Amino acid sequence: YRHALLQSDFLLPDGIALQLWSNYSAKKKLHNLNGTDLTPALLAYLNETHKTTLYIYSLYDPNIQKWEEWLQKGVDSLQKRYSDIDVAYSYQSLYANRGADFPWDEIEKVSAADNAKVKLFLNCTGSPFQELRTEEYKEFFVKNGFLVMNVWGFLDFMSGFEKRAPQWVVKARVLETFRRILSNPRKNMKKFLAMFGIFRIISRRLRLK
């Protein structure tokens, strides 16, 4: 996973754990720039400036009541908001399979006939899987001219499966975390518990100092 992150062209800070690390670090303060906030701005820009097509890869998971129809809801929302951007291809796997059935040959055929200036592949499958899979198929993406963004929850918000918190809650990072847990504990509790790993890193750094 570390190798996959270091091989990326851009690595964007995201989440309360990095915010906490930034506060305790001697380095320059990080500002949150995640896929959910950055992607709409990028799409709005591309919608006005470049002929763009989207390729979307998502997961559905009955365990958290995320059914297959959420992908189409997300696609419909994207096409409504960014009317000059075409969704050339969308696909989803069962979460338990996590990409074992992805039709790479089929997407390559679609891409070959695509003359858009920007071919944007949105990998909405969650960390660390999305980063590992992007690195694994890096040659495929380069060969077919894809700009790949690993954006995890972006499509969930576009489809309405997840709801954005009020802006004042978003700014109070911890409040947003608790809001997500309460609204969808099946999905977010595990990620919330993993977040506490940052305190071990901070503690280790302080002891070294």
C-alpha atoms as a PDB file:
ATOM      1  CA  TYR A   1       0.000   0.000   0.000  1.00  0.00           C
ATOM      2  CA  ARG A   2       2.832   2.398   0.871  1.00  0.00           C
ATOM      3  CA  HIS A   3       4.476   1.640  -2.480  1.00  0.00           C
ATOM      4  CA  ALA A   4       1.223   2.319  -4.329  1.00  0.00           C
ATOM      5  CA  LEU A   5       0.834   5.691  -2.617  1.00  0.00           C
ATOM      6  CA  LEU A   6       4.400   6.732  -3.338  1.00  0.00           C
ATOM      7  CA  GLN A   7       4.007   5.817  -7.019  1.00  0.00           C
ATOM      8  CA  SER A   8       1.071   8.192  -7.471  1.00  0.00           C
ATOM      9  CA  ASP A   9       1.539  11.496  -9.296  1.00  0.00           C
ATOM     10  CA  PHE A  10      -0.461  13.383  -6.675  1.00  0.00           C
ATOM     11  CA  LEU A  11      -1.236  12.344  -3.111  1.00  0.00           C
ATOM     12  CA  LEU A  12      -3.922  14.504  -1.552  1.00  0.00           C
ATOM     13  CA  PRO A  13      -4.361  14.940   2.228  1.00  0.00           C
ATOM     14  CA  ASP A  14      -7.691  13.634   3.452  1.00  0.00           C
ATOM     15  CA  GLY A  15      -9.258  13.005   6.839  1.00  0.00           C
ATOM     16  CA  ILE A  16      -9.093  13.926  10.484  1.00  0.00           C
ATOM     17  CA  ALA A  17      -6.093  11.674  11.135  1.00  0.00           C
ATOM     18  CA  LEU A  18      -3.929  13.767   8.793  1.00  0.00           C
ATOM     19  CA  GLN A  19      -5.314  16.936  10.321  1.00  0.00           C
ATOM     20  CA  LEU A  20      -4.230  15.760  13.763  1.00  0.00           C
ATOM     21  CA  TRP A  21      -0.830  14.733  12.456  1.00  0.00           C
ATOM     22  CA  SER A  22      -0.425  18.129  10.831  1.00  0.00           C
ATOM     23  CA  ASN A  23      -1.168  19.895  14.101  1.00  0.00           C
ATOM     24  CA  TYR A  24       1.520  17.921  15.930  1.00  0.00           C
ATOM     25  CA  SER A  25       4.055  17.934  13.115  1.00  0.00           C
ATOM     26  CA  ALA A  26       6.765  20.522  12.598  1.00  0.00           C
ATOM     27  CA  LYS A  27       6.010  20.473   8.875  1.00  0.00           C
ATOM     28  CA  LYS A  28       3.691  22.847   7.044  1.00  0.00           C
ATOM     29  CA  LYS A  29       0.058  22.543   8.045  1.00  0.00           C
ATOM     30  CA  LEU A  30      -1.991  20.332   5.727  1.00  0.00           C
ATOM     31  CA  HIS A  31      -5.351  21.360   4.350  1.00  0.00           C
ATOM     32  CA  ASN A  32      -7.963  18.732   3.636  1.00  0.00           C
ATOM     33  CA  LEU A  33      -8.317  18.073  -0.100  1.00  0.00           C
ATOM     34  CA  ASN A  34     -10.228  14.850  -0.568  1.00  0.00           C
ATOM     35  CA  GLY A  35     -11.952  13.318  -3.570  1.00  0.00           C
ATOM     36  CA  THR A  36     -15.397  14.382  -2.406  1.00  0.00           C
ATOM     37  CA  ASP A  37     -14.413  18.053  -2.337  1.00  0.00           C
ATOM     38  CA  LEU A  38     -11.915  18.177  -5.200  1.00  0.00           C
ATOM     39  CA  THR A  39     -13.732  16.059  -7.800  1.00  0.00           C
ATOM     40  CA  PRO A  40     -16.797  18.334  -8.186  1.00  0.00           C
ATOM     41  CA  ALA A  41     -14.510  21.325  -8.744  1.00  0.00           C
ATOM     42  CA  LEU A  42     -12.478  19.409 -11.321  1.00  0.00           C
ATOM     43  CA  LEU A  43     -15.583  18.157 -13.123  1.00  0.00           C
ATOM     44  CA  ALA A  44     -17.087  21.637 -13.205  1.00  0.00           C
ATOM     45  CA  TYR A  45     -13.875  22.923 -14.807  1.00  0.00           C
ATOM     46  CA  LEU A  46     -13.716  20.090 -17.365  1.00  0.00           C
ATOM     47  CA  ASN A  47     -17.403  20.538 -18.155  1.00  0.00           C
ATOM     48  CA  GLU A  48     -16.640  24.071 -19.328  1.00  0.00           C
ATOM     49  CA  THR A  49     -13.241  23.631 -20.937  1.00  0.00           C
ATOM     50  CA  HIS A  50     -12.527  20.143 -22.325  1.00  0.00           C
ATOM     51  CA  LYS A  51     -14.362  17.356 -24.070  1.00  0.00           C
ATOM     52  CA  THR A  52     -14.428  14.807 -21.264  1.00  0.00           C
ATOM     53  CA  THR A  53     -15.685  11.281 -20.727  1.00  0.00           C
ATOM     54  CA  LEU A  54     -16.052   9.472 -17.413  1.00  0.00           C
ATOM     55  CA  TYR A  55     -15.317   5.861 -16.605  1.00  0.00           C
ATOM     56  CA  ILE A  56     -16.661   4.817 -13.210  1.00  0.00           C
ATOM     57  CA  TYR A  57     -15.853   1.790 -11.129  1.00  0.00           C
ATOM     58  CA  SER A  58     -17.797   1.266  -7.905  1.00  0.00           C
ATOM     59  CA  LEU A  59     -18.767  -1.422  -5.391  1.00  0.00           C
ATOM     60  CA  TYR A  60     -22.101  -2.434  -3.953  1.00  0.00           C
ATOM     61  CA  ASP A  61     -22.447  -4.079  -0.570  1.00  0.00           C
ATOM     62  CA  PRO A  62     -25.699  -5.570   0.775  1.00  0.00           C
ATOM     63  CA  ASN A  63     -24.108  -5.700   4.247  1.00  0.00           C
ATOM     64  CA  ILE A  64     -24.410  -1.925   4.517  1.00  0.00           C
ATOM     65  CA  GLN A  65     -27.619  -1.789   2.435  1.00  0.00           C
ATOM     66  CA  LYS A  66     -25.813  -0.316  -0.553  1.00  0.00           C
ATOM     67  CA  TRP A  67     -27.662  -1.984  -3.380  1.00  0.00           C
ATOM     68  CA  GLU A  68     -26.799  -2.129  -7.068  1.00  0.00           C
ATOM     69  CA  GLU A  69     -29.170   0.677  -8.055  1.00  0.00           C
ATOM     70  CA  TRP A  70     -27.028   3.295  -6.274  1.00  0.00           C
ATOM     71  CA  LEU A  71     -24.520   3.262  -9.131  1.00  0.00           C
ATOM     72  CA  GLN A  72     -27.125   4.336 -11.670  1.00  0.00           C
ATOM     73  CA  LYS A  73     -28.402   7.029  -9.297  1.00  0.00           C
ATOM     74  CA  GLY A  74     -24.869   8.390  -9.079  1.00  0.00           C
ATOM     75  CA  VAL A  75     -24.434   8.299 -12.862  1.00  0.00           C
ATOM     76  CA  ASP A  76     -27.757  10.099 -13.385  1.00  0.00           C
ATOM     77  CA  SER A  77     -26.770  12.786 -10.895  1.00  0.00           C
ATOM     78  CA  LEU A  78     -23.406  13.306 -12.580  1.00  0.00           C
ATOM     79  CA  GLN A  79     -24.939  13.626 -16.047  1.00  0.00           C
ATOM     80  CA  LYS A  80     -27.530  16.075 -14.761  1.00  0.00           C
ATOM     81  CA  ARG A  81     -24.973  18.281 -13.012  1.00  0.00           C
ATOM     82  CA  TYR A  82     -22.255  18.117 -15.692  1.00  0.00           C
ATOM     83  CA  SER A  83     -24.311  18.005 -18.869  1.00  0.00           C
ATOM     84  CA  ASP A  84     -21.354  18.285 -21.276  1.00  0.00           C
ATOM     85  CA  ILE A  85     -19.501  15.320 -19.754  1.00  0.00           C
ATOM     86  CA  ASP A  86     -20.469  11.865 -20.997  1.00  0.00           C
ATOM     87  CA  VAL A  87     -20.327   8.773 -18.806  1.00  0.00           C
ATOM     88  CA  ALA A  88     -18.748   6.416 -21.330  1.00  0.00           C
ATOM     89  CA  TYR A  89     -18.633   3.401 -19.045  1.00  0.00           C
ATOM     90  CA  SER A  90     -19.724   2.456 -15.546  1.00  0.00           C
ATOM     91  CA  TYR A  91     -19.330  -0.816 -13.694  1.00  0.00           C
ATOM     92  CA  GLN A  92     -19.659  -2.159 -10.200  1.00  0.00           C
ATOM     93  CA  SER A  93     -18.559  -5.285  -8.363  1.00  0.00           C
ATOM     94  CA  LEU A  94     -19.837  -6.947  -5.248  1.00  0.00           C
ATOM     95  CA  TYR A  95     -17.724  -5.664  -2.353  1.00  0.00           C
ATOM     96  CA  ALA A  96     -16.707  -9.201  -1.394  1.00  0.00           C
ATOM     97  CA  ASN A  97     -15.218  -9.736  -4.886  1.00  0.00           C
ATOM     98  CA  ARG A  98     -13.452  -6.365  -4.995  1.00  0.00           C
ATOM     99  CA  GLY A  99     -12.612  -6.250  -8.649  1.00  0.00           C
ATOM    100  CA  ALA A 100     -11.962  -9.880  -9.502  1.00  0.00           C
ATOM    101  CA  ASP A 101     -14.630  -9.633 -12.212  1.00  0.00           C
ATOM    102  CA  PHE A 102     -13.717  -6.241 -13.682  1.00  0.00           C
ATOM    103  CA  PRO A 103     -14.037  -6.412 -17.521  1.00  0.00           C
ATOM    104  CA  TRP A 104     -10.727  -4.849 -18.543  1.00  0.00           C
ATOM    105  CA  ASP A 105     -11.021  -6.015 -22.176  1.00  0.00           C
ATOM    106  CA  GLU A 106     -14.447  -4.423 -22.515  1.00  0.00           C
ATOM    107  CA  ILE A 107     -13.377  -1.063 -21.135  1.00  0.00           C
ATOM    108  CA  GLU A 108     -10.349  -1.077 -23.446  1.00  0.00           C
ATOM    109  CA  LYS A 109     -12.663  -1.456 -26.461  1.00  0.00           C
ATOM    110  CA  VAL A 110     -14.794   1.466 -25.293  1.00  0.00           C
ATOM    111  CA  SER A 111     -11.695   3.570 -24.686  1.00  0.00           C
ATOM    112  CA  ALA A 112     -10.272   2.807 -28.141  1.00  0.00           C
ATOM    113  CA  ALA A 113     -13.328   4.387 -29.780  1.00  0.00           C
ATOM    114  CA  ASP A 114     -13.307   7.359 -27.401  1.00  0.00           C
ATOM    115  CA  ASN A 115     -11.857  10.563 -28.880  1.00  0.00           C
ATOM    116  CA  ALA A 116     -12.375  12.764 -25.815  1.00  0.00           C
ATOM    117  CA  LYS A 117      -9.485  14.988 -24.794  1.00  0.00           C
ATOM    118  CA  VAL A 118      -9.806  13.877 -21.156  1.00  0.00           C
ATOM    119  CA  LYS A 119     -10.721  10.314 -20.199  1.00  0.00           C
ATOM    120  CA  LEU A 120     -11.244  10.384 -16.445  1.00  0.00           C
ATOM    121  CA  PHE A 121     -11.396   7.068 -14.586  1.00  0.00           C
ATOM    122  CA  LEU A 122     -13.057   7.442 -11.182  1.00  0.00           C
ATOM    123  CA  ASN A 123     -12.110   4.545  -8.930  1.00  0.00           C
ATOM    124  CA  CYS A 124     -14.757   4.628  -6.191  1.00  0.00           C
ATOM    125  CA  THR A 125     -13.869   1.387  -4.426  1.00  0.00           C
ATOM    126  CA  GLY A 126     -12.251   2.457  -1.163  1.00  0.00           C
ATOM    127  CA  SER A 127      -8.828   2.433   0.412  1.00  0.00           C
ATOM    128  CA  PRO A 128      -6.544   0.570   0.300  1.00  0.00           C
ATOM    129  CA  PHE A 129      -8.121  -1.487  -2.490  1.00  0.00           C
ATOM    130  CA  GLN A 130      -8.490   1.362  -4.977  1.00  0.00           C
ATOM    131  CA  GLU A 131      -4.852   2.463  -4.650  1.00  0.00           C
ATOM    132  CA  LEU A 132      -3.539  -1.098  -4.871  1.00  0.00           C
ATOM    133  CA  ARG A 133      -5.626  -1.853  -7.956  1.00  0.00           C
ATOM    134  CA  THR A 134      -4.639   1.412  -9.643  1.00  0.00           C
ATOM    135  CA  GLU A 135      -0.958   0.621  -9.136  1.00  0.00           C
ATOM    136  CA  GLU A 136      -1.463  -2.991 -10.275  1.00  0.00           C
ATOM    137  CA  TYR A 137      -3.006  -1.870 -13.569  1.00  0.00           C
ATOM    138  CA  LYS A 138      -0.945   1.280 -14.041  1.00  0.00           C
ATOM    139  CA  GLU A 139       0.327   0.159 -17.456  1.00  0.00           C
ATOM    140  CA  PHE A 140      -3.264  -0.425 -18.605  1.00  0.00           C
ATOM    141  CA  PHE A 141      -4.310   3.088 -17.583  1.00  0.00           C
ATOM    142  CA  VAL A 142      -1.259   4.701 -19.181  1.00  0.00           C
ATOM    143  CA  LYS A 143      -1.687   2.700 -22.405  1.00  0.00           C
ATOM    144  CA  ASN A 144      -5.324   3.775 -22.745  1.00  0.00           C
ATOM    145  CA  GLY A 145      -4.739   7.408 -21.811  1.00  0.00           C
ATOM    146  CA  PHE A 146      -6.684   7.515 -18.561  1.00  0.00           C
ATOM    147  CA  LEU A 147      -6.409  10.091 -15.831  1.00  0.00           C
ATOM    148  CA  VAL A 148      -7.214   8.038 -12.719  1.00  0.00           C
ATOM    149  CA  MET A 149      -8.617   9.456  -9.503  1.00  0.00           C
ATOM    150  CA  ASN A 150      -9.196   7.304  -6.429  1.00  0.00           C
ATOM    151  CA  VAL A 151     -12.176   9.034  -4.879  1.00  0.00           C
ATOM    152  CA  TRP A 152     -13.871   6.453  -2.602  1.00  0.00           C
ATOM    153  CA  GLY A 153     -16.997   8.189  -1.198  1.00  0.00           C
ATOM    154  CA  PHE A 154     -17.538  10.704  -3.996  1.00  0.00           C
ATOM    155  CA  LEU A 155     -20.103   8.582  -5.825  1.00  0.00           C
ATOM    156  CA  ASP A 156     -21.915   7.796  -2.558  1.00  0.00           C
ATOM    157  CA  PHE A 157     -22.546  11.510  -2.078  1.00  0.00           C
ATOM    158  CA  MET A 158     -23.505  12.053  -5.713  1.00  0.00           C
ATOM    159  CA  SER A 159     -26.017   9.190  -5.595  1.00  0.00           C
ATOM    160  CA  GLY A 160     -27.534  10.273  -2.285  1.00  0.00           C
ATOM    161  CA  PHE A 161     -26.429   7.130  -0.446  1.00  0.00           C
ATOM    162  CA  GLU A 162     -24.412   9.417   1.836  1.00  0.00           C
ATOM    163  CA  LYS A 163     -25.553  12.927   2.810  1.00  0.00           C
ATOM    164  CA  ARG A 164     -23.173  15.860   3.192  1.00  0.00           C
ATOM    165  CA  ALA A 165     -23.086  17.432   6.603  1.00  0.00           C
ATOM    166  CA  PRO A 166     -23.729  21.173   7.060  1.00  0.00           C
ATOM    167  CA  GLN A 167     -20.623  23.255   6.397  1.00  0.00           C
ATOM    168  CA  TRP A 168     -20.100  24.148  10.052  1.00  0.00           C
ATOM    169  CA  VAL A 169     -20.066  20.443  10.901  1.00  0.00           C
ATOM    170  CA  VAL A 170     -17.585  19.705   8.109  1.00  0.00           C
ATOM    171  CA  LYS A 171     -15.219  22.361   9.487  1.00  0.00           C
ATOM    172  CA  ALA A 172     -15.437  20.797  12.935  1.00  0.00           C
ATOM    173  CA  ARG A 173     -13.798  17.605  11.720  1.00  0.00           C
ATOM    174  CA  VAL A 174     -14.582  15.426  14.721  1.00  0.00           C
ATOM    175  CA  LEU A 175     -18.277  16.337  14.570  1.00  0.00           C
ATOM    176  CA  GLU A 176     -18.457  15.213  10.950  1.00  0.00           C
ATOM    177  CA  THR A 177     -16.877  11.894  11.882  1.00  0.00           C
ATOM    178  CA  PHE A 178     -19.446  11.249  14.598  1.00  0.00           C
ATOM    179  CA  ARG A 179     -22.255  12.314  12.278  1.00  0.00           C
ATOM    180  CA  ARG A 180     -21.162   9.727   9.704  1.00  0.00           C
ATOM    181  CA  ILE A 181     -21.002   7.007  12.339  1.00  0.00           C
ATOM    182  CA  LEU A 182     -24.508   7.775  13.573  1.00  0.00           C
ATOM    183  CA  SER A 183     -25.966   8.010  10.064  1.00  0.00           C
ATOM    184  CA  ASN A 184     -24.383   4.766   8.794  1.00  0.00           C
ATOM    185  CA  PRO A 185     -22.648   2.800  11.577  1.00  0.00           C
ATOM    186  CA  ARG A 186     -22.292  -0.379   9.496  1.00  0.00           C
ATOM    187  CA  LYS A 187     -20.164   1.431   6.950  1.00  0.00           C
ATOM    188  CA  ASN A 188     -18.218   3.905   9.066  1.00  0.00           C
ATOM    189  CA  MET A 189     -17.524   2.326  12.466  1.00  0.00           C
ATOM    190  CA  LYS A 190     -14.540   0.254  11.315  1.00  0.00           C
ATOM    191  CA  LYS A 191     -12.935   3.282   9.647  1.00  0.00           C
ATOM    192  CA  PHE A 192     -13.542   5.345  12.784  1.00  0.00           C
ATOM    193  CA  LEU A 193     -11.795   2.799  14.998  1.00  0.00           C
ATOM    194  CA  ALA A 194      -8.844   2.555  12.595  1.00  0.00           C
ATOM    195  CA  MET A 195      -8.449   6.330  12.801  1.00  0.00           C
ATOM    196  CA  PHE A 196      -7.118   6.029  16.340  1.00  0.00           C
ATOM    197  CA  GLY A 197      -3.920   4.550  14.941  1.00  0.00           C
ATOM    198  CA  ILE A 198      -2.739   8.140  14.414  1.00  0.00           C
ATOM    199  CA  PHE A 199      -2.353   8.534  18.164  1.00  0.00           C
ATOM    200  CA  ARG A 200       0.228   5.752  18.222  1.00  0.00           C
ATOM    201  CA  ILE A 201       2.208   7.591  15.541  1.00  0.00           C
ATOM    202  CA  ILE A 202       1.982  10.902  17.412  1.00  0.00           C
ATOM    203  CA  SER A 203       2.982   9.252  20.682  1.00  0.00           C
ATOM    204  CA  ARG A 204       5.984   7.585  19.035  1.00  0.00           C
ATOM    205  CA  ARG A 205       7.117  10.872  17.503  1.00  0.00           C
ATOM    206  CA  LEU A 206       6.834  12.689  20.822  1.00  0.00           C
ATOM    207  CA  ARG A 207       8.848   9.999  22.581  1.00  0.00           C
ATOM    208  CA  LEU A 208      11.565  10.253  19.918  1.00  0.00           C
ATOM    209  CA  LYS A 209      11.743  13.991  20.452  1.00  0.00           C
END
